[in-house]
Each structure stands twice: as structure tokens, then as C-alpha cells.
N, C-alpha and C. Protein backbone atom coordinates (compact mmCIF):
# COMPACT_ATOMS: atom_id res chain seq x y z
N MET A 1 4.79 -6.64 0.38
CA MET A 1 4.65 -7.98 -0.12
C MET A 1 5.13 -8.92 0.96
N ASN A 2 4.44 -9.98 1.15
CA ASN A 2 4.78 -10.95 2.17
C ASN A 2 5.61 -12.06 1.53
N PHE A 3 6.84 -12.25 2.01
CA PHE A 3 7.72 -13.28 1.47
C PHE A 3 7.49 -14.56 2.24
N THR A 4 6.54 -15.37 1.79
CA THR A 4 6.25 -16.61 2.49
C THR A 4 6.60 -17.78 1.61
N ASN A 5 6.67 -18.93 2.24
CA ASN A 5 6.87 -20.15 1.47
C ASN A 5 5.82 -21.16 1.90
N GLU A 6 5.89 -22.34 1.32
CA GLU A 6 4.86 -23.36 1.59
C GLU A 6 4.80 -23.74 3.05
N GLU A 7 5.95 -23.76 3.74
CA GLU A 7 5.95 -24.11 5.15
C GLU A 7 5.17 -23.08 5.96
N ASP A 8 5.30 -21.80 5.62
CA ASP A 8 4.56 -20.76 6.32
C ASP A 8 3.06 -20.94 6.12
N GLU A 9 2.66 -21.36 4.93
CA GLU A 9 1.24 -21.53 4.62
C GLU A 9 0.59 -22.55 5.57
N GLU A 10 1.35 -23.58 5.98
CA GLU A 10 0.80 -24.61 6.85
C GLU A 10 0.47 -24.07 8.23
N GLU A 11 1.08 -22.94 8.61
CA GLU A 11 0.89 -22.38 9.93
C GLU A 11 -0.32 -21.45 10.03
N VAL A 12 -1.08 -21.31 8.96
CA VAL A 12 -2.26 -20.45 8.97
C VAL A 12 -3.28 -21.06 9.94
N SER A 13 -3.78 -20.22 10.83
CA SER A 13 -4.71 -20.75 11.83
C SER A 13 -6.04 -21.14 11.19
N GLU A 14 -6.68 -22.09 11.80
CA GLU A 14 -7.99 -22.55 11.32
C GLU A 14 -9.02 -21.43 11.42
N ASP A 15 -8.86 -20.53 12.40
CA ASP A 15 -9.79 -19.41 12.56
C ASP A 15 -9.77 -18.53 11.32
N ILE A 16 -8.59 -18.29 10.79
CA ILE A 16 -8.47 -17.45 9.60
C ILE A 16 -9.13 -18.14 8.41
N ILE A 17 -8.88 -19.41 8.25
CA ILE A 17 -9.46 -20.17 7.14
C ILE A 17 -10.99 -20.19 7.27
N GLU A 18 -11.49 -20.39 8.49
CA GLU A 18 -12.94 -20.38 8.72
C GLU A 18 -13.55 -19.02 8.41
N TYR A 19 -12.84 -17.94 8.79
CA TYR A 19 -13.33 -16.59 8.50
C TYR A 19 -13.52 -16.42 6.99
N TYR A 20 -12.54 -16.84 6.21
CA TYR A 20 -12.63 -16.73 4.75
C TYR A 20 -13.80 -17.56 4.23
N GLN A 21 -13.97 -18.76 4.78
CA GLN A 21 -15.08 -19.63 4.34
C GLN A 21 -16.43 -18.98 4.62
N LYS A 22 -16.56 -18.33 5.79
CA LYS A 22 -17.81 -17.64 6.13
C LYS A 22 -18.08 -16.48 5.18
N GLU A 23 -17.02 -15.88 4.65
CA GLU A 23 -17.15 -14.79 3.69
C GLU A 23 -17.37 -15.32 2.27
N GLY A 24 -17.41 -16.66 2.13
CA GLY A 24 -17.63 -17.27 0.82
C GLY A 24 -16.38 -17.29 -0.04
N LYS A 25 -15.22 -17.29 0.61
CA LYS A 25 -13.95 -17.26 -0.13
C LYS A 25 -13.04 -18.38 0.34
N ASP A 26 -12.13 -18.74 -0.53
CA ASP A 26 -11.10 -19.72 -0.17
C ASP A 26 -9.83 -18.96 0.19
N TYR A 27 -9.30 -19.22 1.39
CA TYR A 27 -8.13 -18.49 1.88
C TYR A 27 -6.97 -18.56 0.89
N HIS A 28 -6.62 -19.75 0.45
CA HIS A 28 -5.45 -19.92 -0.41
C HIS A 28 -5.64 -19.24 -1.78
N THR A 29 -6.83 -19.31 -2.31
CA THR A 29 -7.12 -18.65 -3.59
C THR A 29 -6.99 -17.14 -3.44
N GLU A 30 -7.53 -16.60 -2.34
CA GLU A 30 -7.43 -15.16 -2.09
C GLU A 30 -5.99 -14.73 -1.87
N GLN A 31 -5.22 -15.52 -1.14
CA GLN A 31 -3.81 -15.19 -0.91
C GLN A 31 -3.03 -15.19 -2.22
N LYS A 32 -3.31 -16.18 -3.06
CA LYS A 32 -2.62 -16.25 -4.35
C LYS A 32 -2.98 -15.04 -5.22
N ARG A 33 -4.27 -14.68 -5.25
CA ARG A 33 -4.71 -13.53 -6.03
C ARG A 33 -4.04 -12.25 -5.53
N CYS A 34 -4.04 -12.03 -4.23
CA CYS A 34 -3.41 -10.84 -3.66
C CYS A 34 -1.91 -10.82 -3.93
N TYR A 35 -1.28 -11.98 -3.79
CA TYR A 35 0.16 -12.08 -4.04
C TYR A 35 0.48 -11.71 -5.48
N GLU A 36 -0.25 -12.30 -6.41
CA GLU A 36 0.02 -12.03 -7.82
C GLU A 36 -0.27 -10.59 -8.18
N GLN A 37 -1.34 -10.03 -7.63
CA GLN A 37 -1.66 -8.63 -7.90
C GLN A 37 -0.56 -7.73 -7.33
N SER A 38 -0.13 -8.00 -6.11
CA SER A 38 0.94 -7.20 -5.49
C SER A 38 2.22 -7.32 -6.29
N PHE A 39 2.55 -8.54 -6.69
CA PHE A 39 3.79 -8.73 -7.44
C PHE A 39 3.75 -7.95 -8.75
N ASN A 40 2.63 -8.01 -9.45
CA ASN A 40 2.51 -7.28 -10.72
C ASN A 40 2.60 -5.78 -10.53
N GLU A 41 2.09 -5.29 -9.38
CA GLU A 41 2.15 -3.86 -9.11
C GLU A 41 3.57 -3.40 -8.79
N ILE A 42 4.33 -4.24 -8.07
CA ILE A 42 5.67 -3.80 -7.67
C ILE A 42 6.76 -4.25 -8.62
N LYS A 43 6.42 -5.12 -9.58
CA LYS A 43 7.44 -5.63 -10.49
C LYS A 43 8.24 -4.51 -11.16
N PRO A 44 7.60 -3.46 -11.69
CA PRO A 44 8.41 -2.41 -12.32
C PRO A 44 9.38 -1.75 -11.33
N LEU A 45 8.94 -1.60 -10.08
CA LEU A 45 9.83 -1.00 -9.08
C LEU A 45 10.97 -1.93 -8.72
N LEU A 46 10.67 -3.22 -8.60
CA LEU A 46 11.73 -4.19 -8.32
C LEU A 46 12.79 -4.15 -9.41
N LEU A 47 12.33 -4.16 -10.64
CA LEU A 47 13.28 -4.18 -11.75
C LEU A 47 14.05 -2.87 -11.87
N LYS A 48 13.43 -1.78 -11.44
CA LYS A 48 14.09 -0.47 -11.56
C LYS A 48 15.06 -0.21 -10.41
N TYR A 49 14.69 -0.58 -9.18
CA TYR A 49 15.45 -0.14 -8.02
C TYR A 49 16.30 -1.21 -7.35
N LEU A 50 16.02 -2.45 -7.58
CA LEU A 50 16.83 -3.49 -6.93
C LEU A 50 18.24 -3.53 -7.48
N PRO A 51 19.19 -3.90 -6.65
CA PRO A 51 20.54 -4.08 -7.17
C PRO A 51 20.52 -5.14 -8.28
N GLU A 52 21.37 -4.96 -9.25
CA GLU A 52 21.43 -5.85 -10.41
C GLU A 52 21.48 -7.33 -10.00
N ALA A 53 22.27 -7.63 -8.97
CA ALA A 53 22.46 -9.02 -8.54
C ALA A 53 21.16 -9.67 -8.05
N LEU A 54 20.22 -8.87 -7.57
CA LEU A 54 18.98 -9.43 -7.04
C LEU A 54 17.82 -9.43 -8.03
N ARG A 55 17.89 -8.61 -9.06
CA ARG A 55 16.74 -8.45 -9.97
C ARG A 55 16.24 -9.76 -10.56
N VAL A 56 17.09 -10.45 -11.26
CA VAL A 56 16.66 -11.67 -11.96
C VAL A 56 16.24 -12.73 -10.96
N ALA A 57 17.03 -12.90 -9.90
CA ALA A 57 16.71 -13.93 -8.91
C ALA A 57 15.36 -13.66 -8.25
N ILE A 58 15.13 -12.43 -7.87
CA ILE A 58 13.85 -12.09 -7.22
C ILE A 58 12.71 -12.23 -8.21
N TYR A 59 12.92 -11.77 -9.41
CA TYR A 59 11.86 -11.89 -10.41
C TYR A 59 11.50 -13.36 -10.63
N ASP A 60 12.51 -14.20 -10.76
CA ASP A 60 12.26 -15.63 -10.99
C ASP A 60 11.63 -16.30 -9.77
N GLU A 61 12.12 -15.97 -8.59
CA GLU A 61 11.65 -16.64 -7.38
C GLU A 61 10.27 -16.16 -6.94
N PHE A 62 10.01 -14.86 -7.01
CA PHE A 62 8.79 -14.32 -6.45
C PHE A 62 7.65 -14.20 -7.43
N SER A 63 7.89 -14.49 -8.69
CA SER A 63 6.80 -14.36 -9.64
C SER A 63 5.82 -15.53 -9.55
N VAL A 64 6.19 -16.59 -8.84
CA VAL A 64 5.32 -17.76 -8.70
C VAL A 64 4.88 -17.88 -7.25
N TYR A 65 3.60 -17.77 -7.00
CA TYR A 65 3.07 -17.87 -5.65
C TYR A 65 3.32 -19.26 -5.08
N GLY A 66 3.79 -19.29 -3.85
CA GLY A 66 3.98 -20.56 -3.15
C GLY A 66 5.28 -21.27 -3.47
N LYS A 67 6.08 -20.72 -4.36
CA LYS A 67 7.35 -21.36 -4.70
C LYS A 67 8.27 -21.28 -3.49
N LYS A 68 8.87 -22.40 -3.12
CA LYS A 68 9.79 -22.42 -1.99
C LYS A 68 11.01 -21.58 -2.34
N LEU A 69 11.38 -20.70 -1.43
CA LEU A 69 12.44 -19.75 -1.70
C LEU A 69 13.82 -20.33 -1.42
N ASN A 70 14.75 -19.97 -2.26
CA ASN A 70 16.15 -20.37 -2.13
C ASN A 70 16.73 -19.70 -0.88
N LYS A 71 17.37 -20.48 0.01
CA LYS A 71 17.90 -19.93 1.26
C LYS A 71 18.97 -18.87 1.02
N ASN A 72 19.83 -19.08 0.04
CA ASN A 72 20.86 -18.08 -0.27
C ASN A 72 20.23 -16.77 -0.72
N LEU A 73 19.17 -16.88 -1.51
CA LEU A 73 18.48 -15.68 -1.96
C LEU A 73 17.84 -14.97 -0.77
N MET A 74 17.25 -15.73 0.15
CA MET A 74 16.64 -15.12 1.33
C MET A 74 17.68 -14.37 2.16
N ILE A 75 18.87 -14.89 2.27
CA ILE A 75 19.95 -14.21 3.00
C ILE A 75 20.28 -12.89 2.34
N GLU A 76 20.39 -12.90 1.00
CA GLU A 76 20.69 -11.68 0.26
C GLU A 76 19.56 -10.66 0.37
N ILE A 77 18.31 -11.14 0.32
CA ILE A 77 17.15 -10.26 0.46
C ILE A 77 17.14 -9.63 1.85
N GLU A 78 17.41 -10.43 2.87
CA GLU A 78 17.41 -9.91 4.23
C GLU A 78 18.48 -8.83 4.41
N LYS A 79 19.64 -9.01 3.80
CA LYS A 79 20.69 -7.99 3.85
C LYS A 79 20.19 -6.71 3.19
N TYR A 80 19.60 -6.86 2.02
CA TYR A 80 19.10 -5.70 1.29
C TYR A 80 17.98 -5.00 2.07
N MET A 81 17.09 -5.79 2.68
CA MET A 81 15.98 -5.22 3.45
C MET A 81 16.51 -4.45 4.67
N LYS A 82 17.56 -4.94 5.30
CA LYS A 82 18.15 -4.23 6.44
C LYS A 82 18.66 -2.86 6.00
N VAL A 83 19.34 -2.82 4.87
CA VAL A 83 19.84 -1.55 4.34
C VAL A 83 18.67 -0.62 4.03
N LEU A 84 17.65 -1.17 3.36
CA LEU A 84 16.49 -0.36 2.99
C LEU A 84 15.75 0.14 4.23
N ASN A 85 15.51 -0.75 5.19
CA ASN A 85 14.83 -0.34 6.42
C ASN A 85 15.63 0.70 7.18
N ASN A 86 16.94 0.56 7.20
CA ASN A 86 17.77 1.55 7.86
C ASN A 86 17.62 2.90 7.18
N LEU A 87 17.58 2.88 5.87
CA LEU A 87 17.41 4.11 5.10
C LEU A 87 16.06 4.76 5.40
N LEU A 88 15.00 3.95 5.40
CA LEU A 88 13.65 4.49 5.57
C LEU A 88 13.31 4.84 7.02
N PHE A 89 13.80 4.04 7.97
CA PHE A 89 13.34 4.19 9.34
C PHE A 89 14.39 4.73 10.31
N ASN A 90 15.66 4.54 10.04
CA ASN A 90 16.66 4.89 11.04
C ASN A 90 17.59 6.03 10.65
N ASP A 91 17.93 6.16 9.41
CA ASP A 91 18.87 7.18 8.97
C ASP A 91 18.18 8.54 9.04
N SER A 92 18.59 9.38 9.98
CA SER A 92 17.88 10.64 10.22
C SER A 92 17.93 11.57 9.01
N LYS A 93 18.94 11.46 8.16
CA LYS A 93 19.02 12.32 6.99
C LYS A 93 18.04 11.90 5.91
N ALA A 94 17.72 10.62 5.86
CA ALA A 94 16.90 10.13 4.77
C ALA A 94 15.58 9.53 5.23
N ASN A 95 15.23 9.68 6.49
CA ASN A 95 14.02 9.05 6.99
C ASN A 95 12.79 9.69 6.38
N VAL A 96 12.21 9.00 5.42
CA VAL A 96 11.08 9.51 4.66
C VAL A 96 9.91 9.87 5.56
N PHE A 97 9.64 9.02 6.53
CA PHE A 97 8.47 9.23 7.39
C PHE A 97 8.67 10.43 8.30
N LYS A 98 9.86 10.59 8.86
CA LYS A 98 10.14 11.74 9.72
C LYS A 98 10.10 13.04 8.90
N ILE A 99 10.65 12.98 7.71
CA ILE A 99 10.67 14.16 6.85
C ILE A 99 9.24 14.59 6.52
N TYR A 100 8.38 13.62 6.14
CA TYR A 100 7.00 13.98 5.83
C TYR A 100 6.28 14.50 7.07
N ASP A 101 6.48 13.85 8.22
CA ASP A 101 5.80 14.28 9.44
C ASP A 101 6.21 15.71 9.80
N LYS A 102 7.47 16.02 9.67
CA LYS A 102 7.93 17.39 9.94
C LYS A 102 7.27 18.35 8.95
N TYR A 103 7.24 17.98 7.68
CA TYR A 103 6.58 18.81 6.67
C TYR A 103 5.10 19.02 7.03
N TYR A 104 4.41 17.93 7.39
CA TYR A 104 2.99 18.03 7.73
C TYR A 104 2.78 18.96 8.93
N GLN A 105 3.62 18.82 9.95
CA GLN A 105 3.49 19.69 11.12
C GLN A 105 3.73 21.15 10.75
N ASP A 106 4.64 21.40 9.82
CA ASP A 106 4.93 22.76 9.37
C ASP A 106 3.75 23.38 8.60
N ILE A 107 3.03 22.58 7.83
CA ILE A 107 1.93 23.12 7.01
C ILE A 107 0.58 23.00 7.69
N LYS A 108 0.51 22.26 8.77
CA LYS A 108 -0.76 21.95 9.43
C LYS A 108 -1.60 23.20 9.71
N GLY A 109 -0.98 24.27 10.16
CA GLY A 109 -1.70 25.49 10.46
C GLY A 109 -2.34 26.14 9.24
N SER A 110 -1.84 25.81 8.05
CA SER A 110 -2.37 26.39 6.81
C SER A 110 -3.44 25.51 6.16
N LEU A 111 -3.66 24.33 6.70
CA LEU A 111 -4.62 23.39 6.11
C LEU A 111 -6.03 23.66 6.61
N PRO A 112 -7.03 23.42 5.75
CA PRO A 112 -8.42 23.52 6.19
C PRO A 112 -8.69 22.49 7.30
N THR A 113 -9.59 22.83 8.20
CA THR A 113 -9.93 21.95 9.32
C THR A 113 -10.38 20.58 8.84
N ASP A 114 -11.16 20.52 7.76
CA ASP A 114 -11.65 19.24 7.26
C ASP A 114 -10.50 18.32 6.84
N ILE A 115 -9.49 18.86 6.22
CA ILE A 115 -8.34 18.05 5.80
C ILE A 115 -7.57 17.55 7.02
N LYS A 116 -7.37 18.42 8.00
CA LYS A 116 -6.68 18.00 9.23
C LYS A 116 -7.47 16.87 9.90
N ASN A 117 -8.78 17.05 10.00
CA ASN A 117 -9.61 16.01 10.62
C ASN A 117 -9.53 14.70 9.86
N LEU A 118 -9.58 14.78 8.54
CA LEU A 118 -9.49 13.57 7.71
C LEU A 118 -8.18 12.84 7.98
N ASN A 119 -7.08 13.56 7.98
CA ASN A 119 -5.77 12.96 8.18
C ASN A 119 -5.58 12.39 9.58
N GLU A 120 -6.18 13.02 10.57
CA GLU A 120 -5.93 12.63 11.95
C GLU A 120 -6.97 11.65 12.52
N GLN A 121 -8.15 11.58 11.91
CA GLN A 121 -9.20 10.72 12.46
C GLN A 121 -9.39 9.41 11.70
N TYR A 122 -8.93 9.37 10.46
CA TYR A 122 -9.20 8.19 9.63
C TYR A 122 -7.91 7.70 8.97
N SER A 123 -7.83 6.41 8.80
CA SER A 123 -6.73 5.85 8.01
C SER A 123 -7.36 4.99 6.91
N PHE A 124 -7.25 5.46 5.71
CA PHE A 124 -7.78 4.71 4.57
C PHE A 124 -6.75 3.74 4.01
N HIS A 125 -5.65 3.54 4.73
CA HIS A 125 -4.58 2.64 4.29
C HIS A 125 -5.18 1.29 3.89
N ASP A 126 -4.79 0.80 2.75
CA ASP A 126 -5.26 -0.47 2.18
C ASP A 126 -6.69 -0.43 1.66
N SER A 127 -7.26 0.76 1.51
CA SER A 127 -8.54 0.88 0.80
C SER A 127 -8.21 0.93 -0.69
N GLN A 128 -9.13 0.44 -1.50
CA GLN A 128 -8.90 0.43 -2.94
C GLN A 128 -9.69 1.56 -3.60
N ILE A 129 -9.03 2.26 -4.50
CA ILE A 129 -9.68 3.36 -5.22
C ILE A 129 -10.60 2.76 -6.28
N VAL A 130 -11.91 2.95 -6.08
CA VAL A 130 -12.92 2.41 -6.99
C VAL A 130 -13.13 3.36 -8.17
N SER A 131 -13.22 4.65 -7.84
CA SER A 131 -13.43 5.64 -8.90
C SER A 131 -13.13 7.03 -8.35
N PHE A 132 -13.00 7.95 -9.28
CA PHE A 132 -12.94 9.36 -8.91
C PHE A 132 -13.62 10.13 -10.03
N GLU A 133 -14.17 11.27 -9.64
CA GLU A 133 -14.88 12.07 -10.63
C GLU A 133 -14.70 13.55 -10.30
N TYR A 134 -14.37 14.30 -11.31
CA TYR A 134 -14.33 15.75 -11.17
C TYR A 134 -15.76 16.23 -11.42
N THR A 135 -16.47 16.55 -10.34
CA THR A 135 -17.87 16.93 -10.49
C THR A 135 -18.02 18.40 -10.89
N SER A 136 -16.98 19.16 -10.70
CA SER A 136 -16.91 20.53 -11.20
C SER A 136 -15.43 20.87 -11.32
N GLU A 137 -15.14 22.07 -11.74
CA GLU A 137 -13.74 22.46 -11.94
C GLU A 137 -12.91 22.33 -10.66
N ASN A 138 -13.52 22.60 -9.50
CA ASN A 138 -12.79 22.61 -8.24
C ASN A 138 -13.31 21.56 -7.25
N GLU A 139 -14.02 20.56 -7.73
CA GLU A 139 -14.59 19.56 -6.84
C GLU A 139 -14.27 18.16 -7.37
N ILE A 140 -13.85 17.29 -6.46
CA ILE A 140 -13.54 15.92 -6.85
C ILE A 140 -14.16 14.98 -5.83
N VAL A 141 -14.73 13.88 -6.33
CA VAL A 141 -15.32 12.85 -5.48
C VAL A 141 -14.52 11.57 -5.71
N ILE A 142 -13.99 11.02 -4.59
CA ILE A 142 -13.22 9.78 -4.65
C ILE A 142 -14.00 8.71 -3.91
N LYS A 143 -14.20 7.57 -4.58
CA LYS A 143 -14.92 6.45 -3.98
C LYS A 143 -13.91 5.36 -3.65
N LEU A 144 -13.90 4.90 -2.38
CA LEU A 144 -12.96 3.89 -1.92
C LEU A 144 -13.69 2.65 -1.42
N ASN A 145 -13.18 1.48 -1.76
CA ASN A 145 -13.64 0.24 -1.17
C ASN A 145 -12.75 0.01 0.05
N CYS A 146 -13.33 0.05 1.24
CA CYS A 146 -12.55 0.00 2.48
C CYS A 146 -12.38 -1.41 3.04
N LYS A 147 -12.83 -2.42 2.30
CA LYS A 147 -12.68 -3.79 2.78
C LYS A 147 -11.19 -4.10 2.91
N GLY A 148 -10.78 -4.52 4.09
CA GLY A 148 -9.38 -4.84 4.33
C GLY A 148 -8.54 -3.64 4.75
N SER A 149 -9.19 -2.47 4.91
CA SER A 149 -8.44 -1.27 5.29
C SER A 149 -8.28 -1.21 6.81
N TYR A 150 -7.71 -0.13 7.29
CA TYR A 150 -7.52 0.09 8.72
C TYR A 150 -8.78 0.64 9.38
N LEU A 151 -9.81 0.89 8.61
CA LEU A 151 -11.06 1.41 9.17
C LEU A 151 -11.85 0.29 9.83
N PRO A 152 -12.69 0.63 10.81
CA PRO A 152 -13.48 -0.41 11.48
C PRO A 152 -14.61 -0.97 10.63
N SER A 153 -14.91 -0.33 9.51
CA SER A 153 -15.98 -0.77 8.63
C SER A 153 -15.41 -1.24 7.30
N ASP A 154 -16.05 -2.23 6.70
CA ASP A 154 -15.61 -2.73 5.40
C ASP A 154 -16.41 -2.13 4.26
N GLY A 155 -17.08 -1.02 4.49
CA GLY A 155 -17.95 -0.45 3.47
C GLY A 155 -17.23 0.39 2.43
N ILE A 156 -18.01 1.19 1.77
CA ILE A 156 -17.53 2.11 0.75
C ILE A 156 -17.43 3.50 1.38
N ALA A 157 -16.32 4.18 1.14
CA ALA A 157 -16.17 5.56 1.60
C ALA A 157 -16.25 6.47 0.37
N ILE A 158 -17.01 7.52 0.50
CA ILE A 158 -17.09 8.51 -0.58
C ILE A 158 -16.57 9.83 -0.01
N LEU A 159 -15.45 10.27 -0.56
CA LEU A 159 -14.82 11.50 -0.10
C LEU A 159 -15.05 12.58 -1.13
N THR A 160 -15.59 13.71 -0.70
CA THR A 160 -15.82 14.84 -1.60
C THR A 160 -14.92 15.98 -1.16
N PHE A 161 -14.12 16.47 -2.09
CA PHE A 161 -13.20 17.57 -1.82
C PHE A 161 -13.67 18.78 -2.61
N TYR A 162 -13.82 19.92 -1.91
CA TYR A 162 -14.25 21.17 -2.52
C TYR A 162 -13.06 22.13 -2.59
N ASN A 163 -13.14 23.09 -3.48
CA ASN A 163 -12.10 24.11 -3.63
C ASN A 163 -10.73 23.49 -3.92
N VAL A 164 -10.73 22.41 -4.68
CA VAL A 164 -9.49 21.74 -5.05
C VAL A 164 -8.79 22.56 -6.11
N LYS A 165 -7.53 22.82 -5.87
CA LYS A 165 -6.76 23.61 -6.84
C LYS A 165 -5.85 22.72 -7.68
N PHE A 166 -5.46 21.55 -7.13
CA PHE A 166 -4.53 20.68 -7.86
C PHE A 166 -4.66 19.25 -7.33
N THR A 167 -4.68 18.27 -8.24
CA THR A 167 -4.61 16.85 -7.86
C THR A 167 -3.69 16.15 -8.85
N GLU A 168 -3.26 14.98 -8.47
CA GLU A 168 -2.44 14.16 -9.36
C GLU A 168 -3.18 12.91 -9.80
N LEU A 169 -4.49 12.89 -9.69
CA LEU A 169 -5.28 11.71 -10.04
C LEU A 169 -5.48 11.60 -11.54
N ASN A 170 -5.35 10.37 -12.04
CA ASN A 170 -5.72 10.08 -13.42
C ASN A 170 -6.24 8.64 -13.44
N GLU A 171 -6.71 8.19 -14.58
CA GLU A 171 -7.38 6.89 -14.69
C GLU A 171 -6.52 5.71 -14.21
N GLU A 172 -5.21 5.82 -14.28
CA GLU A 172 -4.38 4.68 -13.86
C GLU A 172 -4.41 4.46 -12.35
N TYR A 173 -4.96 5.41 -11.59
CA TYR A 173 -5.08 5.24 -10.14
C TYR A 173 -6.27 4.35 -9.77
N VAL A 174 -7.27 4.25 -10.62
CA VAL A 174 -8.43 3.42 -10.34
C VAL A 174 -7.97 1.96 -10.22
N GLY A 175 -8.36 1.32 -9.12
CA GLY A 175 -7.95 -0.05 -8.85
C GLY A 175 -6.72 -0.14 -7.97
N ASN A 176 -6.02 0.97 -7.80
CA ASN A 176 -4.85 0.97 -6.92
C ASN A 176 -5.27 1.15 -5.47
N TRP A 177 -4.30 1.02 -4.57
CA TRP A 177 -4.56 1.06 -3.15
C TRP A 177 -4.15 2.41 -2.57
N TRP A 178 -4.98 2.91 -1.68
CA TRP A 178 -4.66 4.12 -0.92
C TRP A 178 -3.69 3.67 0.16
N LEU A 179 -2.47 4.16 0.14
CA LEU A 179 -1.50 3.74 1.13
C LEU A 179 -1.23 4.80 2.18
N TRP A 180 -0.77 5.95 1.77
CA TRP A 180 -0.39 6.98 2.74
C TRP A 180 -1.31 8.18 2.59
N ASP A 181 -1.59 8.80 3.73
CA ASP A 181 -2.49 9.96 3.76
C ASP A 181 -1.69 11.25 3.60
N GLU A 182 -0.96 11.38 2.53
CA GLU A 182 -0.13 12.56 2.34
C GLU A 182 -0.95 13.75 1.85
N THR A 183 -0.65 14.89 2.43
CA THR A 183 -1.26 16.14 2.03
C THR A 183 -0.13 17.14 1.79
N HIS A 184 -0.23 17.87 0.71
CA HIS A 184 0.80 18.86 0.39
C HIS A 184 0.12 20.18 0.03
N LEU A 185 0.75 21.27 0.42
CA LEU A 185 0.24 22.59 0.04
C LEU A 185 0.70 22.90 -1.38
N SER A 186 -0.14 23.62 -2.09
CA SER A 186 0.26 24.10 -3.42
C SER A 186 -0.32 25.50 -3.60
N ASN A 187 0.18 26.18 -4.57
CA ASN A 187 -0.34 27.52 -4.85
C ASN A 187 -1.70 27.43 -5.50
């Protein structure tokens, strides 16, 4: 989530605004929609994991797009973000990304070539899950809207997985965003 205020909005380049206009969209309307959607998606996590002292303040301050942020609150958020970033990126015992990368390297030799290629050649980060379908007992087709993703194309990606033994997909994933390309071995 991007913590911006009205002053930051004024710094948006004209090129970006023109790009949105050429796409038939209004930049500010799209930013507000994305902000509100993101906030609604992370609200349960904010309320569950934030320190008690920040929960109400963040909920009140960030639930309204464009609301100018309280400077004291920003100081507290920055302190919390430093702790969180240290935990995620710097603390070798708890570094989530390093732990997953080590796990992936350990299982890589056991993965099918197609899965390795998918993970290493493409990043579907920020693609939206449009649908998924179990076309047979061991086959699943996932349809992604790649507009705004890390891919060079804004089209639709259709991924078909064969010989699937286990997935964690259910209807609540439709409309959510593909963030990380995690692969795990299972029996």
C-alpha cells in the first residue's frame, strides 16, 4: 500500500496522467479505486497484526483516500516499518525471502522442468486471478489478467497445470492478486 497524501498527489507527472487519459481512464479515480481495494484487502491483516497502539489510528487515517496524514502517526508508522523491514529483509533468522529461496533451491532438482521454467522465466506479480477451473481430477487451468503485472504484455495469461496432486485454490482467490511465485513439494 502506498502511504501518500495530497501533497504527493500534486507531484504526479503529466506523462502519467496523459497515459491514463489515453487508456480512457482518470488517474485520480483509478488511484482511489486501487487504494480502497488495497485497503479493504489488507484491513483484516492490519487489525490482526498491528500493535494495539497503531490499529485504530491507522484504520481511521488510511481508510479515507487522500486524507492528509498526521505527522506523529507517520513517525510511529515509520518506526514500525523499520522493525518489520528488518524482520523481513535483514534478520537472517527470520528473513522470509532468504528462507523461501533456500527452500526453492533445495527442491529445485525435484521439480518438473515446466515449473522451473515458469518460476524462472516469468513473473506474474500483480496479475489478477480472473478464474480457475479443475478441468479434470489432476488438471487445473488458471486465467490471469496481466494488466499492470511485471510481464511485458498486458494480456490474459492462461496457465494449465497437469498431474496436479494438491492446490490451495478456492473461490475466494478469484479477484485477488498473484504476488509471489511460490512452489512447494507435496506428497
